[in-house]
Amino acid sequence: MTALNVLGTALVPCSYDPLTGYFRDGCCNTDAQDHGTHVICARVTQAFLDFSLSKGNDLISPQSAYRFAGLKPGDRWCLCAMRWKEALAAGAAPPVVLESTHAKALEFISLAQLSAPL
């Protein structure tokens, strides 16, 4: 079964370089084991990377043990729904790629919030 995005169409891959997604399949797919609900495909900004770091999630530093090179502004990455929402409230949310954002995101955040210019 094909996953749907927030627009109701087939979920489009978010990024293969860097390779993202809970399953590291390039898509913001999810299942019951994904406790962070990594469903929002975003184009990360320096403001978001700094915000995430301030919350204890370093997405900047390379982690060779996980074959993770670290993110830089402009990279696309599947983010946890609640972290994106928290960043929105703090004025640090990165723009969302709607075609690549899983429909499950709508359980946490409205389409209007996801599609608003930031």
C-alpha atoms as a PDB file:
ATOM      1  CA  MET A   1       0.000   0.000   0.000  1.00  0.00           C
ATOM      2  CA  THR A   2       1.350   3.397  -0.974  1.00  0.00           C
ATOM      3  CA  ALA A   3       1.685   5.954   1.809  1.00  0.00           C
ATOM      4  CA  LEU A   4      -0.064   9.282   1.303  1.00  0.00           C
ATOM      5  CA  ASN A   5       1.251  12.776   1.862  1.00  0.00           C
ATOM      6  CA  VAL A   6      -0.586  15.688   3.514  1.00  0.00           C
ATOM      7  CA  LEU A   7      -2.052  16.636   0.118  1.00  0.00           C
ATOM      8  CA  GLY A   8      -3.721  13.216  -0.242  1.00  0.00           C
ATOM      9  CA  THR A   9      -1.442  12.013  -3.053  1.00  0.00           C
ATOM     10  CA  ALA A  10       1.365   9.443  -3.086  1.00  0.00           C
ATOM     11  CA  LEU A  11       4.210  10.225  -0.701  1.00  0.00           C
ATOM     12  CA  VAL A  12       7.243  11.498  -2.631  1.00  0.00           C
ATOM     13  CA  PRO A  13      10.786  10.783  -1.372  1.00  0.00           C
ATOM     14  CA  CYS A  14      12.264  13.486   0.845  1.00  0.00           C
ATOM     15  CA  SER A  15      16.020  12.909   0.427  1.00  0.00           C
ATOM     16  CA  TYR A  16      18.479  10.243  -0.601  1.00  0.00           C
ATOM     17  CA  ASP A  17      21.502  12.487   0.049  1.00  0.00           C
ATOM     18  CA  PRO A  18      21.556  12.769   2.957  1.00  0.00           C
ATOM     19  CA  LEU A  19      19.610   9.535   3.331  1.00  0.00           C
ATOM     20  CA  THR A  20      16.674  10.328   5.595  1.00  0.00           C
ATOM     21  CA  GLY A  21      13.596   8.740   7.089  1.00  0.00           C
ATOM     22  CA  TYR A  22      12.900   6.590  10.108  1.00  0.00           C
ATOM     23  CA  PHE A  23      13.614   3.556   7.916  1.00  0.00           C
ATOM     24  CA  ARG A  24      16.486   5.332   6.085  1.00  0.00           C
ATOM     25  CA  ASP A  25      14.612   4.745   2.825  1.00  0.00           C
ATOM     26  CA  GLY A  26      14.594   8.376   1.695  1.00  0.00           C
ATOM     27  CA  CYS A  27      10.921   8.811   2.617  1.00  0.00           C
ATOM     28  CA  CYS A  28       9.143  10.092   5.718  1.00  0.00           C
ATOM     29  CA  ASN A  29       7.415   6.742   6.272  1.00  0.00           C
ATOM     30  CA  THR A  30       6.395   5.702   9.764  1.00  0.00           C
ATOM     31  CA  ASP A  31       4.979   2.861  11.814  1.00  0.00           C
ATOM     32  CA  ALA A  32       4.029   2.144  15.423  1.00  0.00           C
ATOM     33  CA  GLN A  33       7.706   1.718  16.410  1.00  0.00           C
ATOM     34  CA  ASP A  34       8.530   5.287  15.289  1.00  0.00           C
ATOM     35  CA  HIS A  35       7.955   6.970  18.643  1.00  0.00           C
ATOM     36  CA  GLY A  36       9.266  10.301  17.323  1.00  0.00           C
ATOM     37  CA  THR A  37       6.872  10.231  14.358  1.00  0.00           C
ATOM     38  CA  HIS A  38       9.506  11.328  11.785  1.00  0.00           C
ATOM     39  CA  VAL A  39       6.939  12.388   9.184  1.00  0.00           C
ATOM     40  CA  ILE A  40       7.678  16.005   8.235  1.00  0.00           C
ATOM     41  CA  CYS A  41       9.986  16.543   5.290  1.00  0.00           C
ATOM     42  CA  ALA A  42      11.657  19.897   5.827  1.00  0.00           C
ATOM     43  CA  ARG A  43      14.417  21.894   4.206  1.00  0.00           C
ATOM     44  CA  VAL A  44      16.461  22.579   7.327  1.00  0.00           C
ATOM     45  CA  THR A  45      17.683  26.059   8.161  1.00  0.00           C
ATOM     46  CA  GLN A  46      20.513  27.181  10.416  1.00  0.00           C
ATOM     47  CA  ALA A  47      17.896  28.563  12.825  1.00  0.00           C
ATOM     48  CA  PHE A  48      16.258  25.136  13.068  1.00  0.00           C
ATOM     49  CA  LEU A  49      19.578  23.293  13.418  1.00  0.00           C
ATOM     50  CA  ASP A  50      20.550  25.646  16.257  1.00  0.00           C
ATOM     51  CA  PHE A  51      17.123  25.218  17.871  1.00  0.00           C
ATOM     52  CA  SER A  52      17.360  21.429  17.650  1.00  0.00           C
ATOM     53  CA  LEU A  53      20.846  21.512  19.169  1.00  0.00           C
ATOM     54  CA  SER A  54      19.543  23.655  22.047  1.00  0.00           C
ATOM     55  CA  LYS A  55      16.979  20.908  22.731  1.00  0.00           C
ATOM     56  CA  GLY A  56      19.661  18.227  22.896  1.00  0.00           C
ATOM     57  CA  ASN A  57      19.356  16.856  19.349  1.00  0.00           C
ATOM     58  CA  ASP A  58      22.586  17.562  17.464  1.00  0.00           C
ATOM     59  CA  LEU A  59      21.803  17.235  13.763  1.00  0.00           C
ATOM     60  CA  ILE A  60      24.937  19.173  12.761  1.00  0.00           C
ATOM     61  CA  SER A  61      27.830  17.022  13.997  1.00  0.00           C
ATOM     62  CA  PRO A  62      28.835  13.979  11.956  1.00  0.00           C
ATOM     63  CA  GLN A  63      28.192  10.620  13.661  1.00  0.00           C
ATOM     64  CA  SER A  64      30.307   8.062  11.803  1.00  0.00           C
ATOM     65  CA  ALA A  65      28.918   5.159  13.847  1.00  0.00           C
ATOM     66  CA  TYR A  66      25.530   5.873  12.252  1.00  0.00           C
ATOM     67  CA  ARG A  67      26.929   6.817   8.823  1.00  0.00           C
ATOM     68  CA  PHE A  68      25.557  10.320   9.427  1.00  0.00           C
ATOM     69  CA  ALA A  69      27.557  13.188   7.902  1.00  0.00           C
ATOM     70  CA  GLY A  70      25.635  15.916   9.747  1.00  0.00           C
ATOM     71  CA  LEU A  71      23.108  18.303   8.232  1.00  0.00           C
ATOM     72  CA  LYS A  72      23.699  21.722   6.746  1.00  0.00           C
ATOM     73  CA  PRO A  73      21.187  24.428   5.835  1.00  0.00           C
ATOM     74  CA  GLY A  74      19.254  23.467   2.712  1.00  0.00           C
ATOM     75  CA  ASP A  75      19.369  19.715   3.344  1.00  0.00           C
ATOM     76  CA  ARG A  76      16.034  17.922   3.336  1.00  0.00           C
ATOM     77  CA  TRP A  77      15.350  15.752   6.387  1.00  0.00           C
ATOM     78  CA  CYS A  78      12.420  13.883   7.945  1.00  0.00           C
ATOM     79  CA  LEU A  79      11.700  15.638  11.234  1.00  0.00           C
ATOM     80  CA  CYS A  80       9.707  14.555  14.266  1.00  0.00           C
ATOM     81  CA  ALA A  81       6.260  16.125  14.099  1.00  0.00           C
ATOM     82  CA  MET A  82       6.329  17.464  17.645  1.00  0.00           C
ATOM     83  CA  ARG A  83       9.854  18.926  17.290  1.00  0.00           C
ATOM     84  CA  TRP A  84       8.738  20.808  14.158  1.00  0.00           C
ATOM     85  CA  LYS A  85       5.656  22.066  16.033  1.00  0.00           C
ATOM     86  CA  GLU A  86       7.848  23.111  18.969  1.00  0.00           C
ATOM     87  CA  ALA A  87      10.175  24.941  16.550  1.00  0.00           C
ATOM     88  CA  LEU A  88       7.163  26.660  14.970  1.00  0.00           C
ATOM     89  CA  ALA A  89       6.117  28.047  18.354  1.00  0.00           C
ATOM     90  CA  ALA A  90       9.698  29.266  18.895  1.00  0.00           C
ATOM     91  CA  GLY A  91       9.903  30.934  15.467  1.00  0.00           C
ATOM     92  CA  ALA A  92      12.522  28.460  14.221  1.00  0.00           C
ATOM     93  CA  ALA A  93      10.520  26.000  12.090  1.00  0.00           C
ATOM     94  CA  PRO A  94      12.034  25.174   8.706  1.00  0.00           C
ATOM     95  CA  PRO A  95       9.926  25.172   5.525  1.00  0.00           C
ATOM     96  CA  VAL A  96       8.032  21.951   4.777  1.00  0.00           C
ATOM     97  CA  VAL A  97       8.040  19.942   1.547  1.00  0.00           C
ATOM     98  CA  LEU A  98       4.331  19.034   1.483  1.00  0.00           C
ATOM     99  CA  GLU A  99       4.575  16.363  -1.233  1.00  0.00           C
ATOM    100  CA  SER A 100       7.110  14.507   0.926  1.00  0.00           C
ATOM    101  CA  THR A 101       5.392  14.964   4.305  1.00  0.00           C
ATOM    102  CA  HIS A 102       3.453  11.904   5.489  1.00  0.00           C
ATOM    103  CA  ALA A 103      -0.310  12.304   6.047  1.00  0.00           C
ATOM    104  CA  LYS A 104       0.184  11.239   9.692  1.00  0.00           C
ATOM    105  CA  ALA A 105       1.607  14.731  10.320  1.00  0.00           C
ATOM    106  CA  LEU A 106      -1.975  16.035  10.152  1.00  0.00           C
ATOM    107  CA  GLU A 107      -2.695  14.251  13.440  1.00  0.00           C
ATOM    108  CA  PHE A 108      -0.389  16.788  15.115  1.00  0.00           C
ATOM    109  CA  ILE A 109      -0.275  19.868  12.888  1.00  0.00           C
ATOM    110  CA  SER A 110      -2.777  21.475  10.531  1.00  0.00           C
ATOM    111  CA  LEU A 111      -2.179  21.702   6.798  1.00  0.00           C
ATOM    112  CA  ALA A 112      -2.447  25.484   7.160  1.00  0.00           C
ATOM    113  CA  GLN A 113       0.460  25.499   9.636  1.00  0.00           C
ATOM    114  CA  LEU A 114       2.532  23.152   7.476  1.00  0.00           C
ATOM    115  CA  SER A 115       1.982  25.186   4.323  1.00  0.00           C
ATOM    116  CA  ALA A 116       2.314  28.690   5.800  1.00  0.00           C
ATOM    117  CA  PRO A 117       5.278  30.683   4.555  1.00  0.00           C
ATOM    118  CA  LEU A 118       7.980  30.850   7.196  1.00  0.00           C
END
